[in-house]
Protein backbone atom coordinates (compact mmCIF):
# COMPACT_ATOMS: atom_id res chain seq x y z
CA MET A 1 -77.62 25.58 7.53
CA PHE A 2 -79.36 28.17 5.36
CA ALA A 3 -82.57 27.23 3.57
CA ASN A 4 -82.21 30.19 1.22
CA PHE A 5 -80.43 33.51 0.76
CA THR A 6 -82.85 35.35 3.03
CA GLY A 7 -80.98 33.92 6.01
CA ILE A 8 -77.65 35.14 4.59
CA VAL A 9 -78.98 38.65 3.96
CA ASP A 10 -80.76 38.87 7.33
CA GLY A 11 -77.63 37.63 9.10
CA ALA A 12 -75.48 40.26 7.40
CA LYS A 13 -77.99 43.01 8.20
CA ALA A 14 -78.02 41.99 11.85
CA LEU A 15 -74.25 42.30 12.32
CA THR A 16 -73.39 44.93 14.91
CA THR A 17 -70.01 45.63 13.29
CA LYS A 18 -70.25 46.28 9.58
CA SER A 19 -67.61 45.00 7.19
CA VAL A 20 -65.93 47.35 4.74
CA MET A 21 -65.25 46.22 1.18
CA ALA A 22 -62.51 47.64 -1.00
CA VAL A 23 -64.02 47.82 -4.50
CA ALA A 24 -61.22 47.70 -7.07
CA ALA A 25 -61.88 49.72 -10.26
CA ALA A 26 -65.27 50.78 -8.97
CA GLU A 27 -66.10 52.81 -12.10
CA ASP A 28 -68.73 50.23 -13.12
CA LYS A 29 -72.43 51.05 -12.82
CA PRO A 30 -73.81 47.55 -12.04
CA VAL A 31 -71.15 47.05 -9.36
CA LEU A 32 -71.85 50.43 -7.80
CA GLU A 33 -75.60 49.74 -7.84
CA SER A 34 -75.12 46.49 -5.91
CA VAL A 35 -72.70 48.11 -3.45
CA LEU A 36 -75.06 51.04 -2.85
CA LYS A 37 -77.92 48.65 -2.12
CA ALA A 38 -75.76 46.68 0.29
CA LYS A 39 -74.69 49.90 2.00
CA ALA A 40 -78.26 51.20 2.21
CA ASP A 41 -79.41 47.89 3.72
CA GLY A 42 -76.71 48.05 6.38
CA ILE A 43 -74.89 44.97 5.08
CA ALA A 44 -71.47 46.52 4.44
CA ASP A 45 -69.73 49.80 3.88
CA ALA A 46 -67.31 50.45 1.02
CA VAL A 47 -64.23 52.27 -0.15
CA PHE A 48 -64.29 52.86 -3.90
CA VAL A 49 -60.91 52.56 -5.63
CA GLY A 50 -60.16 53.65 -9.19
CA ASP A 51 -60.86 56.56 -11.50
CA ARG A 52 -62.18 59.17 -9.10
CA LEU A 53 -63.90 61.29 -11.78
CA LYS A 54 -65.68 58.33 -13.41
CA ILE A 55 -66.77 56.94 -10.05
CA ALA A 56 -68.15 60.34 -9.03
CA GLU A 57 -69.96 60.68 -12.37
CA ILE A 58 -71.67 57.30 -11.99
CA LEU A 59 -72.62 58.04 -8.39
CA ARG A 60 -74.26 61.30 -9.48
CA SER A 61 -76.13 59.45 -12.24
CA LEU A 62 -77.49 57.18 -9.52
CA GLY A 63 -78.69 60.15 -7.50
CA GLN A 64 -75.84 60.04 -5.00
CA ASP A 65 -73.51 62.74 -3.71
CA PRO A 66 -69.91 61.59 -4.34
CA GLU A 67 -68.77 63.60 -1.32
CA ALA A 68 -70.70 61.21 0.90
CA PHE A 69 -68.46 58.30 -0.06
CA SER A 70 -64.86 57.30 0.46
CA ILE A 71 -63.13 57.29 -2.95
CA GLU A 72 -59.45 56.44 -3.38
CA ALA A 73 -57.83 57.46 -6.66
CA ALA A 74 -55.75 54.79 -8.42
CA ALA A 75 -53.82 55.05 -11.67
CA PRO A 76 -54.87 52.82 -14.58
CA GLY A 77 -53.83 49.24 -13.86
CA GLN A 78 -53.18 49.96 -10.17
CA ALA A 79 -56.68 49.63 -8.71
CA GLY A 80 -56.11 46.05 -7.59
CA GLU A 81 -52.89 46.93 -5.80
CA ALA A 82 -54.52 49.96 -4.18
CA ALA A 83 -57.51 47.90 -3.00
CA VAL A 84 -55.24 45.26 -1.49
CA ALA A 85 -53.31 48.03 0.26
CA LEU A 86 -56.54 49.03 2.01
CA ILE A 87 -56.85 45.48 3.35
CA ARG A 88 -53.23 45.53 4.49
CA GLN A 89 -53.78 48.87 6.25
CA GLY A 90 -56.87 47.57 8.06
CA ARG A 91 -59.19 50.03 6.30
CA ALA A 92 -61.20 47.27 4.61
CA ASN A 93 -61.76 43.59 5.35
CA PHE A 94 -62.84 42.07 2.05
CA LEU A 95 -62.34 42.76 -1.65
CA MET A 96 -64.72 43.19 -4.57
CA LYS A 97 -63.82 43.15 -8.25
CA GLY A 98 -65.01 46.04 -10.37
CA LEU A 99 -64.01 47.01 -13.91
CA LEU A 100 -60.62 45.27 -14.12
CA ASP A 101 -59.21 41.95 -15.24
CA THR A 102 -59.32 39.20 -12.65
CA LYS A 103 -55.54 38.77 -12.81
CA ASP A 104 -55.07 42.43 -11.91
CA LEU A 105 -56.94 41.86 -8.65
CA LEU A 106 -55.69 38.39 -7.75
CA GLY A 107 -52.07 39.19 -8.66
CA PRO A 108 -51.65 41.60 -5.73
CA VAL A 109 -53.54 39.20 -3.45
CA VAL A 110 -51.03 36.39 -3.98
CA ARG A 111 -47.96 38.63 -3.93
CA LYS A 112 -45.95 37.50 -0.90
CA GLU A 113 -45.21 40.96 0.46
CA ASN A 114 -48.94 41.72 0.77
CA ASN A 115 -49.27 38.92 3.35
CA LEU A 116 -52.72 37.73 2.29
CA ARG A 117 -51.81 34.14 1.47
CA THR A 118 -52.75 31.30 3.81
CA GLY A 119 -50.67 28.48 2.33
CA ARG A 120 -53.73 27.00 0.61
CA VAL A 121 -54.81 27.47 -2.98
CA MET A 122 -57.52 30.01 -3.72
CA SER A 123 -60.80 28.49 -4.86
CA HIS A 124 -64.29 29.64 -5.77
CA LEU A 125 -67.39 28.88 -3.73
CA ALA A 126 -70.68 29.18 -5.60
CA PHE A 127 -73.79 29.10 -3.41
CA TYR A 128 -77.02 28.16 -5.17
CA LYS A 129 -80.68 28.01 -4.21
CA LEU A 130 -82.23 25.34 -6.39
CA PRO A 131 -86.01 25.12 -6.65
CA ASN A 132 -86.12 21.49 -5.47
CA TYR A 133 -83.26 21.24 -2.95
CA PRO A 134 -84.13 21.95 0.70
CA LYS A 135 -81.23 24.30 1.42
CA LEU A 136 -78.40 26.24 -0.19
CA ILE A 137 -75.93 23.99 -2.00
CA VAL A 138 -72.33 24.98 -2.69
CA SER A 139 -70.32 23.98 -5.75
CA THR A 140 -66.52 24.21 -5.69
CA ASP A 141 -64.26 24.82 -7.57
CA GLY A 142 -65.78 26.02 -10.83
CA GLY A 143 -63.81 29.23 -11.13
CA MET A 144 -60.13 29.02 -10.27
CA ILE A 145 -58.22 25.76 -10.77
CA LEU A 146 -58.51 24.00 -14.14
CA TYR A 147 -57.59 20.45 -13.16
CA PRO A 148 -56.84 20.31 -9.44
CA THR A 149 -54.39 17.75 -8.11
CA LEU A 150 -55.20 15.63 -5.06
CA GLU A 151 -53.38 18.09 -2.79
CA GLU A 152 -55.21 21.02 -4.39
CA LYS A 153 -58.54 19.24 -3.90
CA LYS A 154 -57.64 18.87 -0.23
CA SER A 155 -57.13 22.65 -0.05
CA ILE A 156 -60.41 23.23 -1.91
CA ILE A 157 -62.24 21.14 0.69
CA GLU A 158 -60.49 22.90 3.57
CA ASN A 159 -61.38 26.29 2.06
CA ALA A 160 -65.04 25.30 1.72
CA ALA A 161 -65.25 23.80 5.20
CA GLY A 162 -63.60 26.84 6.78
CA ALA A 163 -65.92 29.29 5.03
CA LEU A 164 -69.03 27.32 5.97
CA ARG A 165 -67.93 27.06 9.59
CA ALA A 166 -67.48 30.85 9.57
CA LEU A 167 -71.08 31.06 8.34
CA GLY A 168 -72.27 28.97 11.26
CA TYR A 169 -72.24 25.40 9.92
CA SER A 170 -70.95 23.20 12.74
CA LEU A 171 -69.86 20.26 10.57
CA PRO A 172 -70.28 20.87 6.82
CA LYS A 173 -71.17 17.77 4.80
CA ILE A 174 -69.09 17.55 1.62
CA ALA A 175 -69.57 15.20 -1.35
CA VAL A 176 -66.70 14.65 -3.78
CA LEU A 177 -68.26 14.06 -7.18
CA ALA A 178 -67.34 11.57 -9.87
CA GLY A 179 -69.22 9.71 -12.58
CA VAL A 180 -69.68 6.59 -10.44
CA GLU A 181 -69.67 5.59 -6.77
CA LYS A 182 -66.92 2.99 -6.99
CA VAL A 183 -63.19 3.50 -7.32
CA ASN A 184 -61.98 2.88 -10.87
CA PRO A 185 -58.22 3.23 -11.45
CA LYS A 186 -58.99 4.46 -14.98
CA MET A 187 -61.06 7.35 -13.57
CA GLN A 188 -58.68 9.54 -11.60
CA GLU A 189 -61.50 11.54 -10.03
CA THR A 190 -62.76 8.37 -8.29
CA VAL A 191 -59.29 7.59 -6.97
CA ASP A 192 -58.89 11.14 -5.66
CA ALA A 193 -62.37 11.19 -4.13
CA HIS A 194 -61.70 7.97 -2.22
CA ALA A 195 -58.35 9.33 -1.02
CA LEU A 196 -59.98 12.56 0.20
CA ALA A 197 -62.66 10.64 2.09
CA GLN A 198 -59.93 8.58 3.73
CA MET A 199 -58.00 11.73 4.67
CA ASN A 200 -61.16 12.90 6.43
CA ARG A 201 -61.56 9.57 8.25
CA ASN A 202 -57.95 9.55 9.49
CA GLY A 203 -57.92 13.18 10.63
CA GLU A 204 -55.92 14.81 7.82
CA ILE A 205 -59.00 16.82 6.82
CA THR A 206 -60.94 18.03 9.85
CA GLY A 207 -63.98 20.12 10.73
CA CYS A 208 -66.22 18.53 8.11
CA ILE A 209 -67.58 15.24 6.74
CA VAL A 210 -66.17 14.15 3.38
CA ASP A 211 -67.76 11.35 1.30
CA GLY A 212 -66.74 10.11 -2.11
CA PRO A 213 -66.65 9.12 -4.82
CA LEU A 214 -70.32 9.93 -5.40
CA SER A 215 -72.27 10.43 -8.58
CA TYR A 216 -74.34 13.60 -8.73
CA ASP A 217 -77.68 11.82 -8.45
CA VAL A 218 -76.63 9.84 -5.37
CA ALA A 219 -75.26 12.95 -3.70
CA MET A 220 -78.41 14.98 -4.32
CA SER A 221 -81.16 12.39 -3.75
CA ALA A 222 -81.62 10.03 -0.80
CA GLU A 223 -84.27 8.19 -2.79
CA ILE A 224 -81.90 7.48 -5.68
CA ALA A 225 -79.13 6.53 -3.27
CA GLY A 226 -81.44 4.02 -1.60
CA HIS A 227 -82.54 2.59 -4.92
CA LYS A 228 -78.88 2.11 -5.92
CA GLY A 229 -78.08 0.53 -2.56
CA VAL A 230 -75.72 3.31 -1.48
CA GLU A 231 -76.25 3.60 2.28
CA GLY A 232 -74.76 5.23 5.35
CA LEU A 233 -74.10 8.58 3.66
CA HIS A 234 -75.79 12.00 3.63
CA SER A 235 -77.48 11.85 0.23
CA GLY A 236 -79.96 14.67 -0.26
CA ASP A 237 -78.43 16.61 2.63
CA TYR A 238 -74.94 17.65 1.45
CA ASP A 239 -73.83 21.24 1.87
CA VAL A 240 -70.97 21.18 -0.65
CA LEU A 241 -70.28 19.39 -3.93
CA VAL A 242 -66.61 19.19 -4.93
CA VAL A 243 -66.28 18.92 -8.72
CA PRO A 244 -63.32 17.24 -10.44
CA SER A 245 -62.47 20.15 -12.76
CA LEU A 246 -63.23 23.79 -13.46
CA ALA A 247 -65.15 22.86 -16.61
CA THR A 248 -67.37 20.49 -14.65
CA GLY A 249 -68.15 23.13 -12.06
CA ASN A 250 -68.75 25.80 -14.69
CA ILE A 251 -71.16 23.61 -16.64
CA LEU A 252 -72.95 22.44 -13.50
CA GLY A 253 -73.41 25.97 -12.21
CA LYS A 254 -74.62 27.40 -15.51
CA SER A 255 -77.01 24.47 -15.92
CA TRP A 256 -78.47 25.24 -12.51
CA SER A 257 -78.73 28.98 -13.19
CA VAL A 258 -79.81 29.06 -16.83
CA THR A 259 -81.96 25.95 -17.06
CA ALA A 260 -83.11 25.22 -13.52
CA GLY A 261 -83.63 28.86 -12.47
CA ALA A 262 -81.23 28.74 -9.52
CA ILE A 263 -80.24 31.90 -7.64
CA MET A 264 -76.49 32.20 -7.12
CA ALA A 265 -73.94 34.05 -5.01
CA GLY A 266 -70.22 33.42 -4.85
CA MET A 267 -66.83 34.40 -3.54
CA ILE A 268 -63.20 33.36 -3.73
CA VAL A 269 -61.72 31.91 -0.55
CA GLY A 270 -58.30 30.64 0.45
CA ALA A 271 -56.77 34.06 1.07
CA LYS A 272 -56.99 35.82 4.43
CA VAL A 273 -60.06 37.73 3.24
CA PRO A 274 -62.98 36.77 0.98
CA ILE A 275 -63.04 38.18 -2.54
CA VAL A 276 -66.30 38.99 -4.32
CA LEU A 277 -65.57 38.21 -7.93
CA THR A 278 -68.71 37.72 -10.00
CA SER A 279 -68.85 36.91 -13.70
CA ARG A 280 -69.62 39.49 -16.35
CA GLY A 281 -73.02 37.84 -16.79
CA ALA A 282 -73.91 38.08 -13.10
CA THR A 283 -77.10 39.92 -12.25
CA ALA A 284 -77.27 42.84 -9.82
CA GLU A 285 -79.01 40.48 -7.38
CA GLU A 286 -76.11 38.01 -7.57
CA LYS A 287 -73.60 40.77 -6.86
CA TYR A 288 -75.68 41.99 -3.91
CA LEU A 289 -76.07 38.48 -2.47
CA SER A 290 -72.34 37.87 -2.91
CA ILE A 291 -71.58 40.99 -0.89
CA ALA A 292 -73.90 39.78 1.88
CA LEU A 293 -72.23 36.37 1.79
CA ALA A 294 -68.73 37.85 2.07
CA SER A 295 -69.76 40.23 4.84
CA LEU A 296 -71.26 37.42 6.94
CA THR A 297 -68.19 35.25 6.28
CA VAL A 298 -65.82 37.98 7.46
CA ALA A 299 -67.78 38.33 10.69
CA GLY A 300 -67.65 34.58 11.25
CA MET A 301 -63.92 34.43 10.51
CA ASP A 302 -63.31 37.10 13.12
CA ALA A 303 -65.38 35.15 15.66
CA ILE A 304 -63.55 31.83 15.16
């Protein structure tokens, strides 16, 4: 369990073997700034992929010598494919999105011949440090799947549990959110949440604890759970919240960040390597923390 992002960053700095990220379309100043900081702090190394001249120009503007870095030229529209090729060749072990459309990076990732698929869906993990929650809390999936089916929600949970175990969580505690705590056939998210909890109980979903359906307040507060008479769960101590739709996760995350002042880092999981894919509105700090998160996850995946 991590109380805050300091533990993530310190853990990544302490790794004896540094990860290498392939940065697709790296000709983007904020991305390069975050990568340079991560490299300087000993968190991860990088191969920059894209327009060699533009990348070199930005590096010089940041006071860096382009000759000191590994830069792979890629034709327009081919940076994603070239970055994935670096993973396939063993020259990098996670991906980062630069100045290209998301589809142009994820397309090569899911292409069968690139052998990066795991059989599960890809989903987004957003790690947040809220001012009044005792540890990092993860929201999933607010970035990839619009309206996940029951089977897709199972994959989302397995993705989250696997990533957290790689980060050192022995048995991640996962709450499947809905508007109420009781199953209502007219509210599909409650039906799915109950089914997922049962899958966990009967061994179809392993390596984690899954509870649901749970309302947000019951999941996040033991006091409220007690007042409502909801007992025997892990209220106020969950590691992951599974949201019923992308819109729900997007709104929840932005509410935390914009209104509650939460600090955020995130990555896409479900492929054989993590993918750092931050929003256009992400701060340099969020990009940096996301790199640290991916680097530490890669190390944990290798150790499992």
